[in-house]
């Protein structure tokens, strides 16, 4: 009797594992077009693994140049935001302040940033700069609006 129960449990475990593997493959395909969630049902804010420095080189909004952007997110809801136009600015411009998460728990907003998009969607070791309507930026330069975690 015990051997039958053990066999049933082993079969059920294998069945569950094989189902999870198939689900993972489908989720991996979705990740190529969407930011990866931190974990099912867990928001970036609750996971607390988004702290660190993120960097990217973005196109200038009004000029034919590029901007080096750096954003450091700290556990105490403080940030340091740095921008420097390559070949134009002699020094980087820094803004420090606080950030908060929107109700979704994955979109963070830099409170002291104005006149430029100030919202980011937190992914896995990267964050996505959002437009003024807090939507993902698309088009041919979309990849430039993904800041990669450097530290």
C-alpha atoms as a PDB file:
ATOM      1  CA  UNK A   1       0.000   0.000   0.000  1.00  0.00           C
ATOM      2  CA  UNK A   2       2.785   2.437   0.922  1.00  0.00           C
ATOM      3  CA  UNK A   3       4.607   1.673  -2.339  1.00  0.00           C
ATOM      4  CA  UNK A   4       1.482   2.564  -4.319  1.00  0.00           C
ATOM      5  CA  UNK A   5       1.130   5.896  -2.501  1.00  0.00           C
ATOM      6  CA  UNK A   6       4.814   6.693  -3.043  1.00  0.00           C
ATOM      7  CA  UNK A   7       4.476   5.813  -6.747  1.00  0.00           C
ATOM      8  CA  UNK A   8       1.413   8.063  -7.109  1.00  0.00           C
ATOM      9  CA  UNK A   9       3.184  10.966  -5.383  1.00  0.00           C
ATOM     10  CA  UNK A  10       6.272  10.496  -7.578  1.00  0.00           C
ATOM     11  CA  UNK A  11       4.136  10.406 -10.752  1.00  0.00           C
ATOM     12  CA  UNK A  12       2.204  13.527  -9.659  1.00  0.00           C
ATOM     13  CA  UNK A  13       5.457  15.356  -8.933  1.00  0.00           C
ATOM     14  CA  UNK A  14       6.850  14.520 -12.372  1.00  0.00           C
ATOM     15  CA  UNK A  15       3.599  15.642 -13.987  1.00  0.00           C
ATOM     16  CA  UNK A  16       3.680  18.985 -12.138  1.00  0.00           C
ATOM     17  CA  UNK A  17       7.345  19.570 -13.020  1.00  0.00           C
ATOM     18  CA  UNK A  18       6.694  18.850 -16.707  1.00  0.00           C
ATOM     19  CA  UNK A  19       3.759  21.294 -16.696  1.00  0.00           C
ATOM     20  CA  UNK A  20       5.911  23.992 -15.081  1.00  0.00           C
ATOM     21  CA  UNK A  21       8.624  23.495 -17.713  1.00  0.00           C
ATOM     22  CA  UNK A  22       6.109  24.080 -20.524  1.00  0.00           C
ATOM     23  CA  UNK A  23       4.758  27.190 -18.764  1.00  0.00           C
ATOM     24  CA  UNK A  24       8.312  28.520 -18.387  1.00  0.00           C
ATOM     25  CA  UNK A  25       8.898  28.165 -22.146  1.00  0.00           C
ATOM     26  CA  UNK A  26       5.770  30.206 -22.910  1.00  0.00           C
ATOM     27  CA  UNK A  27       6.770  32.855 -20.353  1.00  0.00           C
ATOM     28  CA  UNK A  28      10.291  33.064 -21.843  1.00  0.00           C
ATOM     29  CA  UNK A  29       8.787  33.782 -25.266  1.00  0.00           C
ATOM     30  CA  UNK A  30       6.711  36.618 -23.778  1.00  0.00           C
ATOM     31  CA  UNK A  31       9.800  38.150 -22.142  1.00  0.00           C
ATOM     32  CA  UNK A  32      11.257  39.087 -25.514  1.00  0.00           C
ATOM     33  CA  UNK A  33       8.509  41.676 -25.978  1.00  0.00           C
ATOM     34  CA  UNK A  34       7.668  42.613 -22.401  1.00  0.00           C
ATOM     35  CA  UNK A  35       9.686  43.440 -19.309  1.00  0.00           C
ATOM     36  CA  UNK A  36      10.168  40.435 -17.119  1.00  0.00           C
ATOM     37  CA  UNK A  37       8.124  40.427 -13.941  1.00  0.00           C
ATOM     38  CA  UNK A  38      10.087  40.036 -10.748  1.00  0.00           C
ATOM     39  CA  UNK A  39       8.026  36.976  -9.833  1.00  0.00           C
ATOM     40  CA  UNK A  40       4.438  35.934 -10.171  1.00  0.00           C
ATOM     41  CA  UNK A  41       2.378  38.031  -7.768  1.00  0.00           C
ATOM     42  CA  UNK A  42       5.418  39.788  -6.304  1.00  0.00           C
ATOM     43  CA  UNK A  43       6.041  43.397  -7.266  1.00  0.00           C
ATOM     44  CA  UNK A  44       9.450  44.981  -7.715  1.00  0.00           C
ATOM     45  CA  UNK A  45       8.859  47.148  -4.668  1.00  0.00           C
ATOM     46  CA  UNK A  46       8.206  44.115  -2.454  1.00  0.00           C
ATOM     47  CA  UNK A  47      11.068  42.062  -3.921  1.00  0.00           C
ATOM     48  CA  UNK A  48      13.649  44.734  -3.044  1.00  0.00           C
ATOM     49  CA  UNK A  49      16.157  43.481  -5.611  1.00  0.00           C
ATOM     50  CA  UNK A  50      16.003  46.548  -7.836  1.00  0.00           C
ATOM     51  CA  UNK A  51      18.455  48.646  -5.784  1.00  0.00           C
ATOM     52  CA  UNK A  52      21.567  49.680  -7.693  1.00  0.00           C
ATOM     53  CA  UNK A  53      22.789  51.849 -10.552  1.00  0.00           C
ATOM     54  CA  UNK A  54      21.285  51.715 -14.039  1.00  0.00           C
ATOM     55  CA  UNK A  55      22.843  53.272 -17.146  1.00  0.00           C
ATOM     56  CA  UNK A  56      22.047  53.915 -20.809  1.00  0.00           C
ATOM     57  CA  UNK A  57      22.869  56.259 -23.664  1.00  0.00           C
ATOM     58  CA  UNK A  58      19.715  57.973 -24.921  1.00  0.00           C
ATOM     59  CA  UNK A  59      19.041  60.189 -27.925  1.00  0.00           C
ATOM     60  CA  UNK A  60      18.722  63.923 -27.096  1.00  0.00           C
ATOM     61  CA  UNK A  61      15.100  65.049 -27.227  1.00  0.00           C
ATOM     62  CA  UNK A  62      15.663  68.296 -29.188  1.00  0.00           C
ATOM     63  CA  UNK A  63      19.174  68.082 -30.588  1.00  0.00           C
ATOM     64  CA  UNK A  64      21.233  65.702 -32.693  1.00  0.00           C
ATOM     65  CA  UNK A  65      23.246  64.257 -29.826  1.00  0.00           C
ATOM     66  CA  UNK A  66      23.226  61.556 -27.178  1.00  0.00           C
ATOM     67  CA  UNK A  67      22.783  61.705 -23.420  1.00  0.00           C
ATOM     68  CA  UNK A  68      24.550  59.452 -20.939  1.00  0.00           C
ATOM     69  CA  UNK A  69      21.995  58.705 -18.240  1.00  0.00           C
ATOM     70  CA  UNK A  70      22.682  57.117 -14.868  1.00  0.00           C
ATOM     71  CA  UNK A  71      20.100  56.399 -12.183  1.00  0.00           C
ATOM     72  CA  UNK A  72      21.011  55.065  -8.751  1.00  0.00           C
ATOM     73  CA  UNK A  73      18.119  53.666  -6.705  1.00  0.00           C
ATOM     74  CA  UNK A  74      18.667  53.262  -2.979  1.00  0.00           C
ATOM     75  CA  UNK A  75      16.715  51.199  -0.412  1.00  0.00           C
ATOM     76  CA  UNK A  76      15.561  54.279   1.504  1.00  0.00           C
ATOM     77  CA  UNK A  77      13.550  55.526  -1.531  1.00  0.00           C
ATOM     78  CA  UNK A  78      16.255  58.031  -2.480  1.00  0.00           C
ATOM     79  CA  UNK A  79      17.803  58.340  -5.926  1.00  0.00           C
ATOM     80  CA  UNK A  80      20.640  60.095  -7.750  1.00  0.00           C
ATOM     81  CA  UNK A  81      19.895  60.933 -11.405  1.00  0.00           C
ATOM     82  CA  UNK A  82      22.733  62.020 -13.674  1.00  0.00           C
ATOM     83  CA  UNK A  83      22.671  63.203 -17.299  1.00  0.00           C
ATOM     84  CA  UNK A  84      25.419  64.443 -19.587  1.00  0.00           C
ATOM     85  CA  UNK A  85      25.120  65.324 -23.277  1.00  0.00           C
ATOM     86  CA  UNK A  86      28.062  63.655 -25.005  1.00  0.00           C
ATOM     87  CA  UNK A  87      30.373  66.207 -26.628  1.00  0.00           C
ATOM     88  CA  UNK A  88      28.320  69.174 -25.365  1.00  0.00           C
ATOM     89  CA  UNK A  89      28.288  69.213 -21.559  1.00  0.00           C
ATOM     90  CA  UNK A  90      31.587  69.459 -19.751  1.00  0.00           C
ATOM     91  CA  UNK A  91      30.119  67.959 -16.581  1.00  0.00           C
ATOM     92  CA  UNK A  92      27.163  65.784 -15.734  1.00  0.00           C
ATOM     93  CA  UNK A  93      24.059  67.339 -14.201  1.00  0.00           C
ATOM     94  CA  UNK A  94      22.923  65.617 -11.006  1.00  0.00           C
ATOM     95  CA  UNK A  95      19.527  65.548  -9.333  1.00  0.00           C
ATOM     96  CA  UNK A  96      18.962  63.801  -6.024  1.00  0.00           C
ATOM     97  CA  UNK A  97      15.632  63.174  -4.411  1.00  0.00           C
ATOM     98  CA  UNK A  98      13.035  60.595  -3.532  1.00  0.00           C
ATOM     99  CA  UNK A  99      10.999  58.158  -5.569  1.00  0.00           C
ATOM    100  CA  UNK A 100       7.762  56.306  -5.020  1.00  0.00           C
ATOM    101  CA  UNK A 101       6.047  53.317  -6.603  1.00  0.00           C
ATOM    102  CA  UNK A 102       2.708  53.568  -8.352  1.00  0.00           C
ATOM    103  CA  UNK A 103      -0.132  51.242  -7.276  1.00  0.00           C
ATOM    104  CA  UNK A 104       1.082  48.486  -9.628  1.00  0.00           C
ATOM    105  CA  UNK A 105       4.240  48.131  -7.501  1.00  0.00           C
ATOM    106  CA  UNK A 106       6.488  47.961 -10.602  1.00  0.00           C
ATOM    107  CA  UNK A 107       6.407  51.547 -11.897  1.00  0.00           C
ATOM    108  CA  UNK A 108       8.569  53.981  -9.971  1.00  0.00           C
ATOM    109  CA  UNK A 109       8.386  57.756 -10.274  1.00  0.00           C
ATOM    110  CA  UNK A 110      11.201  60.200  -9.491  1.00  0.00           C
ATOM    111  CA  UNK A 111       9.495  62.944  -7.488  1.00  0.00           C
ATOM    112  CA  UNK A 112      12.000  65.764  -8.112  1.00  0.00           C
ATOM    113  CA  UNK A 113      12.399  65.290 -11.885  1.00  0.00           C
ATOM    114  CA  UNK A 114      10.349  67.659 -14.064  1.00  0.00           C
ATOM    115  CA  UNK A 115      10.123  68.569 -17.763  1.00  0.00           C
ATOM    116  CA  UNK A 116      11.325  65.099 -18.833  1.00  0.00           C
ATOM    117  CA  UNK A 117       9.813  61.643 -18.396  1.00  0.00           C
ATOM    118  CA  UNK A 118      10.262  60.678 -14.753  1.00  0.00           C
ATOM    119  CA  UNK A 119       8.738  57.195 -14.594  1.00  0.00           C
ATOM    120  CA  UNK A 120      10.465  53.832 -15.009  1.00  0.00           C
ATOM    121  CA  UNK A 121       9.174  50.274 -15.198  1.00  0.00           C
ATOM    122  CA  UNK A 122      11.321  47.909 -13.132  1.00  0.00           C
ATOM    123  CA  UNK A 123      12.373  44.678 -14.863  1.00  0.00           C
ATOM    124  CA  UNK A 124      14.964  42.027 -14.083  1.00  0.00           C
ATOM    125  CA  UNK A 125      18.353  43.837 -13.820  1.00  0.00           C
ATOM    126  CA  UNK A 126      17.044  46.620 -16.052  1.00  0.00           C
ATOM    127  CA  UNK A 127      14.541  49.428 -15.959  1.00  0.00           C
ATOM    128  CA  UNK A 128      12.536  50.890 -18.811  1.00  0.00           C
ATOM    129  CA  UNK A 129      12.172  54.644 -19.091  1.00  0.00           C
ATOM    130  CA  UNK A 130       8.517  55.436 -19.741  1.00  0.00           C
ATOM    131  CA  UNK A 131       7.039  58.350 -21.684  1.00  0.00           C
ATOM    132  CA  UNK A 132       4.991  61.197 -20.198  1.00  0.00           C
ATOM    133  CA  UNK A 133       1.905  58.935 -20.122  1.00  0.00           C
ATOM    134  CA  UNK A 134       3.853  56.184 -18.325  1.00  0.00           C
ATOM    135  CA  UNK A 135       3.860  53.960 -21.426  1.00  0.00           C
ATOM    136  CA  UNK A 136       6.790  51.973 -22.845  1.00  0.00           C
ATOM    137  CA  UNK A 137       8.726  53.939 -25.466  1.00  0.00           C
ATOM    138  CA  UNK A 138       8.628  52.213 -28.849  1.00  0.00           C
ATOM    139  CA  UNK A 139      10.109  52.807 -32.272  1.00  0.00           C
ATOM    140  CA  UNK A 140      13.582  52.315 -33.693  1.00  0.00           C
ATOM    141  CA  UNK A 141      15.298  53.749 -30.592  1.00  0.00           C
ATOM    142  CA  UNK A 142      13.260  51.728 -28.060  1.00  0.00           C
ATOM    143  CA  UNK A 143      16.282  49.695 -26.899  1.00  0.00           C
ATOM    144  CA  UNK A 144      18.090  52.880 -25.877  1.00  0.00           C
ATOM    145  CA  UNK A 145      15.399  53.569 -23.275  1.00  0.00           C
ATOM    146  CA  UNK A 146      16.304  50.396 -21.380  1.00  0.00           C
ATOM    147  CA  UNK A 147      18.747  51.144 -18.582  1.00  0.00           C
ATOM    148  CA  UNK A 148      20.893  48.176 -17.610  1.00  0.00           C
ATOM    149  CA  UNK A 149      21.933  47.500 -14.050  1.00  0.00           C
ATOM    150  CA  UNK A 150      25.660  48.152 -13.663  1.00  0.00           C
ATOM    151  CA  UNK A 151      26.165  47.660  -9.903  1.00  0.00           C
END
